[in-house]
Amino acid sequence: MTTAPKGPASYFPSIEKKYGRPIAHWKDLIRASPLTKHMELVTWLKTEHGLGHGHANALVAHTLAEDSAE
């Protein structure tokens, strides 16, 4: 039995479908950005890449959490 992703990752299938790029692409962009603050990154994804707020927020939250766990 497969469990559905929870938290920010639950947005990933709809992000890939809507924007046509894999999640790894968005994570790489976030990590390559000179910005480091959560809301700065969210705003950047929205303005420069056309993501909706919820999708941008989920990507940033998940990526920053992954990076802080390393």
PDB file of N, CA and C in Angstrom:
ATOM      1  N   MET A   1       0.836  -1.182   0.000  1.00  0.00           N
ATOM      2  CA  MET A   1       0.000   0.000   0.000  1.00  0.00           C
ATOM      3  C   MET A   1       0.881   1.245   0.000  1.00  0.00           C
ATOM      4  N   THR A   2       0.600   2.158  -0.884  1.00  0.00           N
ATOM      5  CA  THR A   2       1.363   3.400  -0.993  1.00  0.00           C
ATOM      6  C   THR A   2       0.619   4.495  -0.242  1.00  0.00           C
ATOM      7  N   THR A   3       1.345   5.218   0.597  1.00  0.00           N
ATOM      8  CA  THR A   3       0.708   6.324   1.300  1.00  0.00           C
ATOM      9  C   THR A   3       0.939   7.608   0.525  1.00  0.00           C
ATOM     10  N   ALA A   4      -0.053   8.464   0.547  1.00  0.00           N
ATOM     11  CA  ALA A   4       0.051   9.739  -0.163  1.00  0.00           C
ATOM     12  C   ALA A   4       1.055  10.636   0.553  1.00  0.00           C
ATOM     13  N   PRO A   5       1.798  11.438  -0.214  1.00  0.00           N
ATOM     14  CA  PRO A   5       2.734  12.365   0.423  1.00  0.00           C
ATOM     15  C   PRO A   5       1.984  13.374   1.280  1.00  0.00           C
ATOM     16  N   LYS A   6       2.641  13.814   2.333  1.00  0.00           N
ATOM     17  CA  LYS A   6       2.026  14.793   3.228  1.00  0.00           C
ATOM     18  C   LYS A   6       2.839  16.070   3.221  1.00  0.00           C
ATOM     19  N   GLY A   7       2.243  17.133   3.704  1.00  0.00           N
ATOM     20  CA  GLY A   7       2.930  18.413   3.790  1.00  0.00           C
ATOM     21  C   GLY A   7       3.203  18.988   2.406  1.00  0.00           C
ATOM     22  N   PRO A   8       4.292  19.738   2.280  1.00  0.00           N
ATOM     23  CA  PRO A   8       4.605  20.394   1.004  1.00  0.00           C
ATOM     24  C   PRO A   8       4.693  19.431  -0.175  1.00  0.00           C
ATOM     25  N   ALA A   9       5.180  18.221   0.059  1.00  0.00           N
ATOM     26  CA  ALA A   9       5.342  17.260  -1.030  1.00  0.00           C
ATOM     27  C   ALA A   9       4.006  16.858  -1.654  1.00  0.00           C
ATOM     28  N   SER A  10       2.923  17.065  -0.945  1.00  0.00           N
ATOM     29  CA  SER A  10       1.610  16.711  -1.502  1.00  0.00           C
ATOM     30  C   SER A  10       1.263  17.574  -2.715  1.00  0.00           C
ATOM     31  N   TYR A  11       1.929  18.708  -2.862  1.00  0.00           N
ATOM     32  CA  TYR A  11       1.712  19.599  -4.001  1.00  0.00           C
ATOM     33  C   TYR A  11       2.510  19.181  -5.244  1.00  0.00           C
ATOM     34  N   PHE A  12       3.501  18.327  -5.075  1.00  0.00           N
ATOM     35  CA  PHE A  12       4.432  18.040  -6.159  1.00  0.00           C
ATOM     36  C   PHE A  12       3.778  17.509  -7.438  1.00  0.00           C
ATOM     37  N   PRO A  13       2.844  16.559  -7.369  1.00  0.00           N
ATOM     38  CA  PRO A  13       2.238  16.096  -8.628  1.00  0.00           C
ATOM     39  C   PRO A  13       1.545  17.220  -9.405  1.00  0.00           C
ATOM     40  N   SER A  14       0.836  18.092  -8.709  1.00  0.00           N
ATOM     41  CA  SER A  14       0.140  19.173  -9.420  1.00  0.00           C
ATOM     42  C   SER A  14       1.118  20.226  -9.928  1.00  0.00           C
ATOM     43  N   ILE A  15       2.234  20.431  -9.239  1.00  0.00           N
ATOM     44  CA  ILE A  15       3.255  21.372  -9.713  1.00  0.00           C
ATOM     45  C   ILE A  15       3.858  20.854 -11.022  1.00  0.00           C
ATOM     46  N   GLU A  16       4.214  19.578 -11.035  1.00  0.00           N
ATOM     47  CA  GLU A  16       4.795  19.010 -12.254  1.00  0.00           C
ATOM     48  C   GLU A  16       3.809  19.050 -13.413  1.00  0.00           C
ATOM     49  N   LYS A  17       2.549  18.759 -13.137  1.00  0.00           N
ATOM     50  CA  LYS A  17       1.530  18.763 -14.190  1.00  0.00           C
ATOM     51  C   LYS A  17       1.288  20.179 -14.714  1.00  0.00           C
ATOM     52  N   LYS A  18       1.156  21.146 -13.815  1.00  0.00           N
ATOM     53  CA  LYS A  18       0.809  22.506 -14.226  1.00  0.00           C
ATOM     54  C   LYS A  18       1.955  23.211 -14.952  1.00  0.00           C
ATOM     55  N   TYR A  19       3.191  23.039 -14.469  1.00  0.00           N
ATOM     56  CA  TYR A  19       4.315  23.805 -15.012  1.00  0.00           C
ATOM     57  C   TYR A  19       5.211  23.003 -15.956  1.00  0.00           C
ATOM     58  N   GLY A  20       4.961  21.695 -16.067  1.00  0.00           N
ATOM     59  CA  GLY A  20       5.671  20.869 -17.043  1.00  0.00           C
ATOM     60  C   GLY A  20       7.143  20.631 -16.769  1.00  0.00           C
ATOM     61  N   ARG A  21       7.538  20.803 -15.538  1.00  0.00           N
ATOM     62  CA  ARG A  21       8.949  20.571 -15.180  1.00  0.00           C
ATOM     63  C   ARG A  21       9.002  19.697 -13.932  1.00  0.00           C
ATOM     64  N   PRO A  22      10.030  18.861 -13.816  1.00  0.00           N
ATOM     65  CA  PRO A  22      10.136  18.003 -12.631  1.00  0.00           C
ATOM     66  C   PRO A  22      10.469  18.824 -11.378  1.00  0.00           C
ATOM     67  N   ILE A  23      10.151  18.272 -10.251  1.00  0.00           N
ATOM     68  CA  ILE A  23      10.424  18.947  -8.977  1.00  0.00           C
ATOM     69  C   ILE A  23      11.919  19.229  -8.828  1.00  0.00           C
ATOM     70  N   ALA A  24      12.752  18.339  -9.302  1.00  0.00           N
ATOM     71  CA  ALA A  24      14.208  18.549  -9.217  1.00  0.00           C
ATOM     72  C   ALA A  24      14.617  19.855  -9.897  1.00  0.00           C
ATOM     73  N   HIS A  25      13.960  20.215 -10.989  1.00  0.00           N
ATOM     74  CA  HIS A  25      14.254  21.468 -11.683  1.00  0.00           C
ATOM     75  C   HIS A  25      14.028  22.662 -10.747  1.00  0.00           C
ATOM     76  N   TRP A  26      12.882  22.663 -10.075  1.00  0.00           N
ATOM     77  CA  TRP A  26      12.542  23.787  -9.190  1.00  0.00           C
ATOM     78  C   TRP A  26      13.471  23.834  -7.978  1.00  0.00           C
ATOM     79  N   LYS A  27      13.798  22.669  -7.437  1.00  0.00           N
ATOM     80  CA  LYS A  27      14.724  22.630  -6.293  1.00  0.00           C
ATOM     81  C   LYS A  27      16.102  23.141  -6.695  1.00  0.00           C
ATOM     82  N   ASP A  28      16.554  22.771  -7.884  1.00  0.00           N
ATOM     83  CA  ASP A  28      17.852  23.257  -8.373  1.00  0.00           C
ATOM     84  C   ASP A  28      17.837  24.781  -8.516  1.00  0.00           C
ATOM     85  N   LEU A  29      16.734  25.335  -9.036  1.00  0.00           N
ATOM     86  CA  LEU A  29      16.619  26.794  -9.159  1.00  0.00           C
ATOM     87  C   LEU A  29      16.683  27.471  -7.800  1.00  0.00           C
ATOM     88  N   ILE A  30      15.963  26.914  -6.847  1.00  0.00           N
ATOM     89  CA  ILE A  30      15.940  27.491  -5.498  1.00  0.00           C
ATOM     90  C   ILE A  30      17.337  27.462  -4.896  1.00  0.00           C
ATOM     91  N   ARG A  31      18.002  26.338  -5.038  1.00  0.00           N
ATOM     92  CA  ARG A  31      19.346  26.196  -4.459  1.00  0.00           C
ATOM     93  C   ARG A  31      20.377  27.076  -5.162  1.00  0.00           C
ATOM     94  N   ALA A  32      20.162  27.369  -6.427  1.00  0.00           N
ATOM     95  CA  ALA A  32      21.097  28.206  -7.186  1.00  0.00           C
ATOM     96  C   ALA A  32      20.842  29.697  -6.975  1.00  0.00           C
ATOM     97  N   SER A  33      19.703  30.035  -6.436  1.00  0.00           N
ATOM     98  CA  SER A  33      19.361  31.438  -6.227  1.00  0.00           C
ATOM     99  C   SER A  33      20.238  32.056  -5.141  1.00  0.00           C
ATOM    100  N   PRO A  34      20.598  33.319  -5.303  1.00  0.00           N
ATOM    101  CA  PRO A  34      21.360  33.991  -4.240  1.00  0.00           C
ATOM    102  C   PRO A  34      20.472  34.326  -3.034  1.00  0.00           C
ATOM    103  N   LEU A  35      19.165  34.208  -3.207  1.00  0.00           N
ATOM    104  CA  LEU A  35      18.242  34.494  -2.109  1.00  0.00           C
ATOM    105  C   LEU A  35      18.264  33.347  -1.107  1.00  0.00           C
ATOM    106  N   THR A  36      18.029  33.666   0.168  1.00  0.00           N
ATOM    107  CA  THR A  36      18.075  32.620   1.194  1.00  0.00           C
ATOM    108  C   THR A  36      16.841  32.608   2.089  1.00  0.00           C
ATOM    109  N   LYS A  37      16.100  33.693   2.142  1.00  0.00           N
ATOM    110  CA  LYS A  37      14.940  33.758   3.025  1.00  0.00           C
ATOM    111  C   LYS A  37      13.709  33.161   2.339  1.00  0.00           C
ATOM    112  N   HIS A  38      12.905  32.489   3.144  1.00  0.00           N
ATOM    113  CA  HIS A  38      11.738  31.780   2.629  1.00  0.00           C
ATOM    114  C   HIS A  38      10.859  32.667   1.747  1.00  0.00           C
ATOM    115  N   MET A  39      10.388  33.779   2.269  1.00  0.00           N
ATOM    116  CA  MET A  39       9.446  34.601   1.511  1.00  0.00           C
ATOM    117  C   MET A  39      10.101  35.293   0.322  1.00  0.00           C
ATOM    118  N   GLU A  40      11.381  35.574   0.400  1.00  0.00           N
ATOM    119  CA  GLU A  40      12.086  36.119  -0.767  1.00  0.00           C
ATOM    120  C   GLU A  40      12.071  35.105  -1.908  1.00  0.00           C
ATOM    121  N   LEU A  41      12.335  33.852  -1.566  1.00  0.00           N
ATOM    122  CA  LEU A  41      12.333  32.797  -2.576  1.00  0.00           C
ATOM    123  C   LEU A  41      10.935  32.564  -3.140  1.00  0.00           C
ATOM    124  N   VAL A  42       9.923  32.600  -2.287  1.00  0.00           N
ATOM    125  CA  VAL A  42       8.544  32.430  -2.741  1.00  0.00           C
ATOM    126  C   VAL A  42       8.183  33.542  -3.720  1.00  0.00           C
ATOM    127  N   THR A  43       8.470  34.778  -3.343  1.00  0.00           N
ATOM    128  CA  THR A  43       8.170  35.924  -4.205  1.00  0.00           C
ATOM    129  C   THR A  43       8.912  35.816  -5.528  1.00  0.00           C
ATOM    130  N   TRP A  44      10.156  35.402  -5.495  1.00  0.00           N
ATOM    131  CA  TRP A  44      10.964  35.234  -6.696  1.00  0.00           C
ATOM    132  C   TRP A  44      10.368  34.180  -7.630  1.00  0.00           C
ATOM    133  N   LEU A  45       9.962  33.040  -7.084  1.00  0.00           N
ATOM    134  CA  LEU A  45       9.344  32.006  -7.917  1.00  0.00           C
ATOM    135  C   LEU A  45       8.038  32.499  -8.541  1.00  0.00           C
ATOM    136  N   LYS A  46       7.297  33.284  -7.794  1.00  0.00           N
ATOM    137  CA  LYS A  46       6.032  33.811  -8.304  1.00  0.00           C
ATOM    138  C   LYS A  46       6.260  34.835  -9.408  1.00  0.00           C
ATOM    139  N   THR A  47       7.165  35.768  -9.180  1.00  0.00           N
ATOM    140  CA  THR A  47       7.347  36.864 -10.136  1.00  0.00           C
ATOM    141  C   THR A  47       8.195  36.466 -11.341  1.00  0.00           C
ATOM    142  N   GLU A  48       9.252  35.719 -11.124  1.00  0.00           N
ATOM    143  CA  GLU A  48      10.169  35.377 -12.211  1.00  0.00           C
ATOM    144  C   GLU A  48       9.787  34.111 -12.968  1.00  0.00           C
ATOM    145  N   HIS A  49       9.051  33.218 -12.311  1.00  0.00           N
ATOM    146  CA  HIS A  49       8.767  31.920 -12.929  1.00  0.00           C
ATOM    147  C   HIS A  49       7.278  31.618 -13.036  1.00  0.00           C
ATOM    148  N   GLY A  50       6.422  32.528 -12.566  1.00  0.00           N
ATOM    149  CA  GLY A  50       4.987  32.398 -12.758  1.00  0.00           C
ATOM    150  C   GLY A  50       4.287  31.349 -11.912  1.00  0.00           C
ATOM    151  N   LEU A  51       4.907  30.909 -10.832  1.00  0.00           N
ATOM    152  CA  LEU A  51       4.261  29.928  -9.971  1.00  0.00           C
ATOM    153  C   LEU A  51       3.214  30.604  -9.093  1.00  0.00           C
ATOM    154  N   GLY A  52       2.203  29.845  -8.725  1.00  0.00           N
ATOM    155  CA  GLY A  52       1.223  30.325  -7.765  1.00  0.00           C
ATOM    156  C   GLY A  52       1.826  30.326  -6.374  1.00  0.00           C
ATOM    157  N   HIS A  53       1.198  31.050  -5.462  1.00  0.00           N
ATOM    158  CA  HIS A  53       1.747  31.180  -4.112  1.00  0.00           C
ATOM    159  C   HIS A  53       1.880  29.827  -3.404  1.00  0.00           C
ATOM    160  N   GLY A  54       0.837  29.026  -3.439  1.00  0.00           N
ATOM    161  CA  GLY A  54       0.877  27.731  -2.748  1.00  0.00           C
ATOM    162  C   GLY A  54       1.952  26.812  -3.284  1.00  0.00           C
ATOM    163  N   HIS A  55       2.094  26.779  -4.600  1.00  0.00           N
ATOM    164  CA  HIS A  55       3.121  25.933  -5.213  1.00  0.00           C
ATOM    165  C   HIS A  55       4.517  26.434  -4.870  1.00  0.00           C
ATOM    166  N   ALA A  56       4.728  27.735  -4.973  1.00  0.00           N
ATOM    167  CA  ALA A  56       6.036  28.305  -4.643  1.00  0.00           C
ATOM    168  C   ALA A  56       6.371  28.056  -3.177  1.00  0.00           C
ATOM    169  N   ASN A  57       5.401  28.269  -2.306  1.00  0.00           N
ATOM    170  CA  ASN A  57       5.609  28.081  -0.871  1.00  0.00           C
ATOM    171  C   ASN A  57       5.959  26.626  -0.557  1.00  0.00           C
ATOM    172  N   ALA A  58       5.262  25.690  -1.180  1.00  0.00           N
ATOM    173  CA  ALA A  58       5.537  24.273  -0.942  1.00  0.00           C
ATOM    174  C   ALA A  58       6.944  23.898  -1.394  1.00  0.00           C
ATOM    175  N   LEU A  59       7.345  24.358  -2.566  1.00  0.00           N
ATOM    176  CA  LEU A  59       8.689  24.056  -3.074  1.00  0.00           C
ATOM    177  C   LEU A  59       9.776  24.620  -2.167  1.00  0.00           C
ATOM    178  N   VAL A  60       9.604  25.868  -1.758  1.00  0.00           N
ATOM    179  CA  VAL A  60      10.611  26.507  -0.902  1.00  0.00           C
ATOM    180  C   VAL A  60      10.665  25.814   0.457  1.00  0.00           C
ATOM    181  N   ALA A  61       9.522  25.564   1.051  1.00  0.00           N
ATOM    182  CA  ALA A  61       9.485  24.929   2.376  1.00  0.00           C
ATOM    183  C   ALA A  61      10.163  23.557   2.330  1.00  0.00           C
ATOM    184  N   HIS A  62       9.848  22.769   1.330  1.00  0.00           N
ATOM    185  CA  HIS A  62      10.418  21.427   1.230  1.00  0.00           C
ATOM    186  C   HIS A  62      11.919  21.483   0.963  1.00  0.00           C
ATOM    187  N   THR A  63      12.330  22.358   0.070  1.00  0.00           N
ATOM    188  CA  THR A  63      13.762  22.462  -0.274  1.00  0.00           C
ATOM    189  C   THR A  63      14.580  22.956   0.914  1.00  0.00           C
ATOM    190  N   LEU A  64      14.106  23.987   1.587  1.00  0.00           N
ATOM    191  CA  LEU A  64      14.848  24.509   2.743  1.00  0.00           C
ATOM    192  C   LEU A  64      14.896  23.479   3.873  1.00  0.00           C
ATOM    193  N   ALA A  65      13.820  22.734   4.071  1.00  0.00           N
ATOM    194  CA  ALA A  65      13.812  21.711   5.105  1.00  0.00           C
ATOM    195  C   ALA A  65      14.806  20.601   4.774  1.00  0.00           C
ATOM    196  N   GLU A  66      14.854  20.200   3.520  1.00  0.00           N
ATOM    197  CA  GLU A  66      15.832  19.197   3.088  1.00  0.00           C
ATOM    198  C   GLU A  66      17.255  19.678   3.337  1.00  0.00           C
ATOM    199  N   ASP A  67      17.512  20.913   2.966  1.00  0.00           N
ATOM    200  CA  ASP A  67      18.866  21.451   3.097  1.00  0.00           C
ATOM    201  C   ASP A  67      19.285  21.612   4.557  1.00  0.00           C
ATOM    202  N   SER A  68      18.342  21.950   5.419  1.00  0.00           N
ATOM    203  CA  SER A  68      18.695  22.136   6.833  1.00  0.00           C
ATOM    204  C   SER A  68      18.889  20.789   7.536  1.00  0.00           C
ATOM    205  N   ALA A  69      18.349  19.723   6.950  1.00  0.00           N
ATOM    206  CA  ALA A  69      18.485  18.387   7.535  1.00  0.00           C
ATOM    207  C   ALA A  69      19.832  17.753   7.210  1.00  0.00           C
ATOM    208  N   GLU A  70      20.522  18.305   6.219  1.00  0.00           N
ATOM    209  CA  GLU A  70      21.803  17.723   5.797  1.00  0.00           C
ATOM    210  C   GLU A  70      22.925  18.066   6.747  1.00  0.00           C
TER     211      GLU A  70
END
